[in-house]
Protein backbone atom coordinates (compact mmCIF):
# COMPACT_ATOMS: atom_id res chain seq x y z
CA MET A 1 120.10 142.32 72.98
CA THR A 2 120.20 139.27 70.70
CA MET A 3 117.51 139.17 68.02
CA LEU A 4 115.23 136.15 68.12
CA ALA A 5 113.16 134.49 65.40
CA VAL A 6 110.70 131.64 65.91
CA ALA A 7 109.90 129.03 63.27
CA ILE A 8 106.88 126.75 63.63
CA LEU A 9 106.88 123.54 61.57
CA ALA A 10 103.32 123.28 60.26
CA ALA A 11 103.59 121.83 56.75
CA GLY A 12 102.54 118.21 57.35
CA LYS A 13 99.22 116.57 56.54
CA GLY A 14 98.85 114.43 59.64
CA THR A 15 97.64 111.25 57.95
CA ARG A 16 96.86 109.47 61.21
CA MET A 17 94.30 112.13 62.13
CA LYS A 18 92.08 110.67 59.37
CA SER A 19 90.87 114.16 58.51
CA GLN A 20 90.49 116.57 55.62
CA LEU A 21 91.78 119.29 57.95
CA PRO A 22 95.55 119.82 58.33
CA LYS A 23 96.71 118.33 61.61
CA VAL A 24 97.94 121.62 63.05
CA LEU A 25 94.45 123.15 62.66
CA HIS A 26 92.76 120.59 64.87
CA LYS A 27 91.66 122.28 68.07
CA LEU A 28 92.82 121.60 71.58
CA GLY A 29 90.12 123.35 73.57
CA SER A 30 89.38 126.68 71.96
CA LYS A 31 92.64 127.04 70.00
CA SER A 32 94.28 125.17 67.16
CA LEU A 33 97.48 123.24 67.77
CA VAL A 34 99.56 125.68 65.73
CA GLU A 35 98.11 128.71 67.51
CA ARG A 36 99.03 127.15 70.84
CA ALA A 37 102.59 126.65 69.57
CA LEU A 38 102.73 130.35 68.69
CA ASN A 39 101.21 131.34 72.03
CA SER A 40 103.90 129.41 73.89
CA CYS A 41 106.34 132.10 72.72
CA ASP A 42 104.49 134.95 74.44
CA LEU A 43 107.08 135.42 77.19
CA ILE A 44 110.10 135.59 74.87
CA LYS A 45 108.51 138.18 72.54
CA PRO A 46 110.28 137.11 69.33
CA ASP A 47 111.29 139.71 66.77
CA ARG A 48 109.96 137.52 63.96
CA SER A 49 107.48 134.64 63.91
CA LEU A 50 107.52 132.36 60.86
CA VAL A 51 105.15 129.49 60.18
CA ILE A 52 106.34 126.93 57.65
CA ILE A 53 103.31 125.73 55.71
CA GLY A 54 102.71 123.10 53.06
CA TYR A 55 99.64 120.87 53.01
CA GLN A 56 96.56 123.10 52.63
CA GLY A 57 98.74 126.08 53.46
CA GLU A 58 96.01 128.59 52.60
CA LYS A 59 93.79 127.14 55.30
CA VAL A 60 96.58 127.50 57.84
CA LYS A 61 97.13 131.11 56.75
CA SER A 62 93.44 131.87 57.04
CA ALA A 63 93.21 130.30 60.49
CA LEU A 64 96.04 132.50 61.79
CA ASN A 65 95.13 135.77 60.07
CA HIS A 66 93.85 137.20 63.38
CA LEU A 67 97.40 137.11 64.77
CA SER A 68 99.61 140.07 63.92
CA GLY A 69 103.18 139.79 62.71
CA VAL A 70 103.06 136.16 61.55
CA GLU A 71 105.06 135.40 58.39
CA PHE A 72 104.43 132.35 56.25
CA VAL A 73 107.10 130.32 54.47
CA GLU A 74 106.04 127.67 51.97
CA GLN A 75 107.53 124.19 51.86
CA THR A 76 106.12 122.92 48.57
CA GLU A 77 107.47 119.39 49.11
CA GLN A 78 107.56 117.83 52.56
CA LEU A 79 111.03 116.30 52.53
CA GLY A 80 111.76 116.31 56.27
CA THR A 81 112.41 118.71 59.12
CA GLY A 82 115.82 119.72 57.78
CA HIS A 83 114.30 120.56 54.42
CA ALA A 84 111.66 122.67 56.17
CA ILE A 85 114.30 124.74 57.97
CA GLN A 86 116.25 125.14 54.72
CA GLN A 87 113.24 127.08 53.41
CA LEU A 88 114.06 129.80 55.96
CA MET A 89 117.33 130.71 54.30
CA PRO A 90 115.88 133.28 51.86
CA PRO A 91 113.57 135.10 54.32
CA LEU A 92 116.25 135.07 57.06
CA ASP A 93 119.17 135.78 54.75
CA ASP A 94 120.11 139.03 56.53
CA PHE A 95 118.95 137.95 59.99
CA GLU A 96 121.53 137.88 62.76
CA GLY A 97 120.45 136.33 66.00
CA ASP A 98 118.95 133.11 67.30
CA LEU A 99 116.31 130.82 65.82
CA LEU A 100 113.86 128.90 67.98
CA VAL A 101 112.32 125.88 66.22
CA LEU A 102 109.02 124.43 67.44
CA ASN A 103 106.65 121.81 66.08
CA GLY A 104 103.12 122.92 65.28
CA ASP A 105 101.73 119.69 66.73
CA VAL A 106 103.31 120.03 70.20
CA PRO A 107 100.78 122.27 71.96
CA LEU A 108 101.49 121.79 75.67
CA LEU A 109 104.84 123.57 76.04
CA ARG A 110 104.71 126.16 78.80
CA SER A 111 105.89 129.67 78.03
CA GLN A 112 108.23 129.43 81.03
CA THR A 113 109.92 126.37 79.52
CA ILE A 114 110.52 128.17 76.22
CA GLU A 115 111.86 131.20 78.09
CA GLU A 116 114.28 129.01 80.05
CA LEU A 117 115.48 127.30 76.87
CA VAL A 118 116.28 130.61 75.15
CA LYS A 119 117.91 131.99 78.31
CA THR A 120 120.12 128.89 78.67
CA HIS A 121 121.09 129.10 74.99
CA GLN A 122 122.05 132.76 75.08
CA GLU A 123 123.81 132.82 78.45
CA ASN A 124 126.03 129.88 77.44
CA LYS A 125 126.63 131.21 73.92
CA ASN A 126 125.75 127.82 72.46
CA ASP A 127 125.68 126.91 68.80
CA ALA A 128 122.49 125.02 69.62
CA THR A 129 120.44 124.14 72.65
CA LEU A 130 117.89 121.37 72.59
CA LEU A 131 115.06 120.59 74.94
CA THR A 132 115.22 117.10 76.39
CA ALA A 133 112.96 115.06 78.64
CA ASN A 134 113.45 112.10 80.93
CA MET A 135 110.74 109.70 79.83
CA PRO A 136 109.55 106.80 82.02
CA ASN A 137 109.30 104.72 78.85
CA PRO A 138 111.61 106.16 76.17
CA LYS A 139 111.04 103.37 73.65
CA GLY A 140 110.84 104.78 70.13
CA TYR A 141 112.61 108.04 70.96
CA GLY A 142 116.13 109.07 70.06
CA ARG A 143 118.43 109.15 73.11
CA VAL A 144 120.53 112.18 74.04
CA PHE A 145 123.86 111.64 75.83
CA CYS A 146 125.52 114.50 77.73
CA ASP A 147 128.56 115.15 79.90
CA SER A 148 128.37 116.52 83.44
CA ASN A 149 127.84 120.06 82.08
CA ASN A 150 124.88 119.00 79.90
CA ILE A 151 126.98 119.38 76.75
CA VAL A 152 125.61 116.95 74.18
CA THR A 153 128.11 114.27 73.23
CA GLN A 154 125.91 112.00 71.15
CA ILE A 155 122.35 111.57 69.83
CA VAL A 156 121.41 108.01 68.92
CA GLU A 157 118.14 106.91 67.31
CA ASP A 158 116.24 104.27 69.24
CA ARG A 159 116.72 101.60 66.58
CA ASP A 160 120.50 102.17 66.66
CA CYS A 161 120.88 102.02 70.47
CA ASN A 162 122.71 99.09 72.03
CA ARG A 163 121.44 97.52 75.22
CA ALA A 164 123.35 99.91 77.49
CA GLN A 165 122.29 102.98 75.55
CA LYS A 166 118.64 101.95 75.78
CA GLN A 167 118.88 102.40 79.55
CA ASN A 168 119.25 106.15 79.03
CA ASN A 169 115.84 107.82 79.55
CA ARG A 170 116.82 111.26 78.23
CA ILE A 171 115.15 111.81 74.87
CA ASN A 172 115.17 114.53 72.24
CA ALA A 173 111.97 116.63 72.52
CA GLY A 174 112.36 118.15 69.04
CA VAL A 175 112.51 121.73 70.34
CA TYR A 176 115.67 123.65 69.45
CA CYS A 177 117.31 127.05 69.78
CA PHE A 178 120.09 127.75 67.28
CA ASN A 179 122.60 130.44 66.58
CA TRP A 180 121.17 131.22 63.14
CA GLN A 181 124.46 132.12 61.47
CA LYS A 182 126.03 128.85 62.63
CA LEU A 183 122.97 126.88 61.56
CA LYS A 184 122.69 128.60 58.18
CA ALA A 185 126.30 127.64 57.41
CA VAL A 186 125.67 123.91 57.91
CA LEU A 187 122.14 123.54 56.49
CA PRO A 188 123.49 122.92 52.94
CA LYS A 189 125.39 119.90 54.28
CA LEU A 190 122.26 117.91 55.09
CA SER A 191 121.86 114.65 53.23
CA THR A 192 119.14 112.06 52.64
CA ASN A 193 121.29 109.14 53.73
CA ASN A 194 118.56 107.48 55.82
CA ASP A 195 115.69 105.02 55.48
CA GLN A 196 113.11 107.73 54.79
CA LYS A 197 115.27 109.56 52.24
CA GLU A 198 114.47 112.82 54.02
CA TYR A 199 116.55 115.75 55.29
CA TYR A 200 116.63 115.44 59.08
CA LEU A 201 117.31 118.56 61.12
CA THR A 202 119.11 116.51 63.78
CA GLU A 203 121.96 115.92 61.30
CA VAL A 204 123.14 119.50 61.93
CA PHE A 205 124.41 118.41 65.34
CA ASP A 206 127.12 116.48 63.53
CA TYR A 207 128.54 119.81 62.34
CA LEU A 208 127.83 122.20 65.25
CA HIS A 209 130.34 122.40 68.09
CA ARG A 210 128.79 123.60 71.33
CA VAL A 211 125.40 121.90 71.77
CA MET A 212 123.73 121.86 75.17
CA ALA A 213 120.68 120.01 76.50
CA LEU A 214 118.05 121.39 78.86
CA ASP A 215 115.77 118.93 80.63
CA VAL A 216 112.11 119.88 80.85
CA ASP A 217 110.66 119.42 84.35
CA ASP A 218 107.45 117.75 83.16
CA HIS A 219 107.86 115.34 80.26
CA LEU A 220 104.15 115.70 79.42
CA GLU A 221 104.92 119.18 78.05
CA ILE A 222 106.58 117.72 74.98
CA SER A 223 103.66 115.45 74.09
CA GLY A 224 103.06 115.50 70.34
CA ILE A 225 99.74 114.98 68.57
CA ASN A 226 99.60 112.37 65.82
CA ASP A 227 96.07 111.02 66.15
CA ARG A 228 92.78 111.84 67.85
CA CYS A 229 93.52 109.61 70.83
CA GLN A 230 96.62 111.69 71.59
CA LEU A 231 94.55 114.85 71.07
CA ALA A 232 92.13 113.67 73.77
CA VAL A 233 95.00 112.83 76.13
CA ALA A 234 96.49 116.28 75.57
CA TYR A 235 93.13 117.88 76.41
CA ASP A 236 93.08 115.98 79.70
CA ILE A 237 96.58 117.25 80.49
CA LEU A 238 95.61 120.83 79.63
CA GLN A 239 92.46 120.64 81.74
CA ALA A 240 94.35 119.19 84.71
CA ARG A 241 96.73 122.18 84.62
CA ILE A 242 93.92 124.72 84.42
CA LYS A 243 91.80 123.18 87.17
CA GLU A 244 94.75 122.66 89.52
CA ALA A 245 95.68 126.35 89.15
CA TRP A 246 92.14 127.52 89.94
CA MET A 247 91.71 125.18 92.90
CA MET A 248 94.99 126.48 94.33
CA ALA A 249 93.61 130.01 93.81
CA GLY A 250 90.50 129.42 95.92
CA VAL A 251 87.94 127.70 93.67
CA THR A 252 86.11 124.57 94.84
CA MET A 253 85.42 121.92 92.22
CA ILE A 254 83.18 119.00 93.02
CA ASP A 255 84.22 116.10 90.80
CA PRO A 256 86.86 117.98 88.75
CA ASP A 257 87.06 115.17 86.19
CA SER A 258 83.56 116.02 84.95
CA ILE A 259 84.26 119.78 84.71
CA THR A 260 85.97 121.63 81.85
CA ILE A 261 87.33 125.19 82.00
CA GLU A 262 89.02 127.04 79.17
CA GLU A 263 92.16 128.97 80.06
CA SER A 264 90.60 132.24 78.90
CA ALA A 265 88.10 132.12 81.80
CA GLN A 266 88.60 134.11 85.01
CA LEU A 267 87.23 132.89 88.34
CA GLY A 268 86.94 134.66 91.69
CA ILE A 269 87.57 133.22 95.13
CA ASP A 270 85.06 130.98 96.92
CA VAL A 271 83.49 129.98 93.62
CA ILE A 272 81.93 126.51 93.73
CA ILE A 273 81.68 124.55 90.49
CA GLU A 274 79.47 121.48 90.53
CA PRO A 275 79.81 118.36 88.32
CA GLN A 276 79.14 118.42 84.57
CA THR A 277 79.72 122.17 84.32
CA HIS A 278 81.63 123.68 81.41
CA ILE A 279 83.08 127.20 81.35
CA ARG A 280 84.23 128.47 77.98
CA GLY A 281 85.46 131.54 76.15
CA ASN A 282 86.05 134.90 77.77
CA THR A 283 83.94 134.18 80.82
CA ILE A 284 84.36 136.01 84.13
CA ILE A 285 82.79 134.54 87.27
CA GLY A 286 82.76 136.67 90.40
CA ASN A 287 83.48 135.81 94.02
CA GLY A 288 81.13 133.44 95.79
CA CYS A 289 79.26 132.17 92.73
CA HIS A 290 77.82 128.66 92.79
CA ILE A 291 77.63 127.20 89.28
CA GLY A 292 76.09 123.85 88.43
CA PRO A 293 75.52 121.05 88.38
CA ALA A 294 75.23 120.72 84.60
CA CYS A 295 75.73 124.31 83.46
CA LEU A 296 77.33 125.74 80.32
CA VAL A 297 78.68 129.28 80.69
CA GLU A 298 80.42 130.83 77.70
CA ASN A 299 81.59 134.36 76.88
CA SER A 300 79.62 135.74 79.83
CA GLN A 301 80.25 137.86 82.91
CA LEU A 302 78.72 136.82 86.23
CA GLY A 303 78.84 139.12 89.25
CA LYS A 304 79.23 138.05 92.87
CA ASN A 305 77.14 135.36 94.54
CA VAL A 306 75.31 134.28 91.40
CA ARG A 307 73.62 130.88 91.64
CA ALA A 308 73.02 128.89 88.45
CA LEU A 309 72.04 125.27 87.99
CA TYR A 310 71.13 123.11 85.00
CA SER A 311 71.28 126.16 82.73
CA VAL A 312 72.97 127.62 79.65
CA ILE A 313 74.37 131.17 79.79
CA SER A 314 76.05 132.53 76.67
CA ASP A 315 77.14 136.03 75.61
CA SER A 316 75.38 137.55 78.62
CA GLN A 317 75.97 139.63 81.75
CA VAL A 318 74.52 138.70 85.11
CA ALA A 319 74.71 141.04 88.12
CA ASN A 320 75.24 140.16 91.79
CA ASP A 321 72.99 137.87 93.84
CA THR A 322 70.92 136.62 90.92
CA LYS A 323 69.55 133.08 90.72
CA ILE A 324 69.26 131.22 87.44
CA GLY A 325 67.61 127.89 86.73
CA PRO A 326 67.02 125.10 86.75
CA PHE A 327 66.70 124.73 82.98
CA ALA A 328 67.05 128.39 81.99
CA HIS A 329 68.70 129.72 78.84
CA LEU A 330 70.26 133.19 78.54
CA ARG A 331 71.73 134.07 75.14
CA GLY A 332 72.53 136.74 72.61
CA GLY A 333 73.42 139.70 74.79
CA VAL A 334 71.22 139.43 77.87
CA VAL A 335 71.94 141.95 80.64
CA LEU A 336 70.43 140.76 83.90
CA GLY A 337 70.22 143.03 86.96
CA GLU A 338 70.95 142.37 90.62
CA SER A 339 68.91 140.02 92.80
CA CYS A 340 66.84 138.71 89.91
CA ARG A 341 65.37 135.27 89.55
CA VAL A 342 65.21 133.44 86.24
CA GLY A 343 63.54 130.14 86.88
CA ASN A 344 62.41 126.88 85.34
CA PHE A 345 62.24 126.67 81.55
CA VAL A 346 62.77 130.38 80.91
CA GLU A 347 64.56 131.61 77.78
CA ILE A 348 65.82 135.20 77.56
CA LYS A 349 67.37 136.54 74.36
CA LYS A 350 68.94 139.96 73.69
CA SER A 351 67.12 141.70 76.55
CA ASN A 352 67.88 144.09 79.42
CA ILE A 353 66.34 143.06 82.73
CA GLY A 354 66.23 145.43 85.72
CA HIS A 355 67.06 144.74 89.37
CA LYS A 356 64.91 142.43 91.52
CA THR A 357 62.87 141.30 88.54
CA ASN A 358 61.49 137.77 88.57
CA ILE A 359 60.82 135.57 85.56
CA ALA A 360 60.05 132.43 87.44
CA HIS A 361 58.89 129.82 84.93
CA LEU A 362 57.81 128.82 81.43
CA SER A 363 58.45 132.14 79.67
CA TYR A 364 60.19 133.55 76.61
CA ILE A 365 61.56 137.10 76.77
CA GLY A 366 63.17 138.30 73.54
CA ASP A 367 64.30 141.76 72.36
CA ALA A 368 62.79 143.26 75.51
CA THR A 369 63.59 145.85 78.15
CA LEU A 370 62.20 145.14 81.61
CA GLY A 371 62.41 147.61 84.50
CA ASN A 372 63.09 146.99 88.18
CA GLN A 373 60.91 144.75 90.37
CA VAL A 374 58.91 143.44 87.43
CA ASN A 375 57.13 140.14 88.01
CA ILE A 376 56.61 138.00 84.91
CA GLY A 377 53.87 135.43 85.35
CA ALA A 378 54.18 131.83 84.18
CA GLY A 379 53.88 131.35 80.44
CA THR A 380 54.47 135.00 79.49
CA ILE A 381 55.70 135.42 75.92
CA THR A 382 57.08 138.40 74.02
CA ALA A 383 56.02 137.79 70.43
CA ASN A 384 58.95 139.69 68.97
CA TYR A 385 59.07 138.36 65.39
CA ASP A 386 56.55 139.27 62.69
CA GLY A 387 57.99 136.87 60.13
CA VAL A 388 60.38 139.47 58.70
CA ASN A 389 61.76 141.67 61.51
CA LYS A 390 62.30 141.56 65.27
CA HIS A 391 60.49 144.17 67.39
CA PRO A 392 60.99 145.39 70.98
CA THR A 393 58.84 145.04 74.08
CA ILE A 394 59.26 147.54 76.93
CA ILE A 395 57.84 146.83 80.38
CA GLY A 396 58.14 149.44 83.13
CA ASP A 397 59.09 149.19 86.80
CA ARG A 398 56.93 147.15 89.20
CA THR A 399 54.64 145.87 86.44
CA LYS A 400 53.11 142.40 86.89
CA THR A 401 52.05 140.14 84.08
CA GLY A 402 49.46 137.44 84.64
CA SER A 403 50.00 133.86 83.59
CA ASN A 404 49.84 133.08 79.88
CA SER A 405 50.20 136.70 78.74
CA VAL A 406 51.43 137.50 75.24
CA PHE A 407 52.97 140.84 74.20
CA VAL A 408 52.78 141.34 70.44
CA ALA A 409 55.73 143.64 69.75
CA PRO A 410 56.33 146.48 69.26
CA VAL A 411 54.55 147.39 72.46
CA ASN A 412 55.32 149.66 75.44
CA ILE A 413 53.95 148.81 78.88
CA GLY A 414 54.16 151.51 81.54
CA GLU A 415 55.11 151.36 85.23
CA ASP A 416 52.91 149.83 87.96
CA VAL A 417 50.77 148.04 85.35
CA THR A 418 48.92 144.79 85.96
CA ILE A 419 48.26 142.53 82.98
CA ALA A 420 45.36 140.16 83.48
CA ALA A 421 46.07 136.47 83.00
CA GLY A 422 45.54 135.18 79.49
CA SER A 423 45.78 138.60 77.83
CA VAL A 424 47.15 139.22 74.35
CA ILE A 425 48.50 142.77 74.46
CA THR A 426 48.78 144.47 71.07
CA HIS A 427 48.72 148.17 72.11
CA ASP A 428 50.68 150.34 74.55
CA VAL A 429 49.47 150.45 78.17
CA PRO A 430 49.88 153.63 80.31
CA ASP A 431 51.25 153.75 83.87
CA ASP A 432 49.16 152.53 86.82
CA SER A 433 46.68 150.57 84.73
CA LEU A 434 45.00 147.19 84.58
CA ALA A 435 45.03 145.74 81.06
CA ILE A 436 42.66 142.94 80.11
CA ALA A 437 42.78 141.68 76.52
CA ARG A 438 40.86 138.45 76.21
CA GLU A 439 37.55 137.23 74.84
CA LYS A 440 34.64 137.29 77.27
CA GLN A 441 34.02 133.83 78.66
CA LYS A 442 31.00 132.01 77.28
CA VAL A 443 29.33 129.01 78.91
CA ILE A 444 26.97 126.86 76.84
CA LYS A 445 25.02 124.49 79.05
CA GLY A 446 24.02 121.04 78.01
CA TRP A 447 26.68 120.78 75.31
CA ARG A 448 28.26 117.46 74.56
CA LYS A 449 29.38 115.59 71.50
CA LYS A 450 26.52 113.48 70.14
CA ASN A 451 27.22 109.81 69.39
């Protein structure tokens, strides 16, 4: 099997981004542009992955340090794409195989497209194979001319095209697969005989013999990012792909244009997503859930038939048949049982909630463990923070708290307990008890403020 190396061009500054961050580190959704370029190679499983860095190279290294097997090659001066590939000659000196070249600012290439490009290159034993696209408006792009077998006969820059050549809509996408030994032999021949005085990689096609073109099915795949407007357009393209795939898989989206879903999310069948809902991170949503309108769900797992509206759910687990919202907030490792209700203006943080427990309105539950069939009255608060440390509250099965109760943690409330409304509980309460912790009411007759 032919060895395969991948090189990602990621050395540029990206002046038009108007940013102190290197262009390739700007994020498209949850991932940087350069990480998406690397991810597009997942299907071909390259033997080596090299990222050519330059401007703020240490930042690029740091941003990719969670990916295994990535090598970094420094281009100290940015003297063009040909110069960038010349920097690969020392690290690939003994390499025998093919080299795939991608741009770190072209994030929408599908893995299937890359796989097809490499397959076409290797099956036809080409010196080079380049990805091309038929653009509706090719103005500004170099044109690629081929014979009937897709063998490249000529590449002409837009400014050099005559009127007839400008009618050709096939453009160079800037994605290449080379026979490395053939490429390495001609890289020293590159010159700076051009307006920019740079070494252009496309000059190698003047010296290679069998060069083939492969047309991409969707020209939007080769969209490059040069400014923040193009970044926003690319995000729209990415979202359209993701949402179309989920709708075809059995998810209903009401007003898809107002919904965003990251590709790391997993959705079941018969899920309904209402407008202004955003699903991010490693989120799993089970069959039959109804989410939104206006929900944010990130890095959370929702069971079947969960209903959530106007709420934020992050880093939490929600079991089947539970209802959340409106205006609820689950965060920081909440585990919510089956058939629960978390209602209006309730915040739950880092707590375990049993099955069929209701926290209906105006409450804060933090660092707590609640049993099954607990009923939390309106305005119940777990006072979990003493100014230095967080402390736990434990409430047993079938316990009911009256409105405006406060639990000053650490405190342990037994099973089948009733807490009287307005109580401030500072000590443990045993099973099957009524706890009243409030000042005796006083009535002073005839009292009014004197003028």
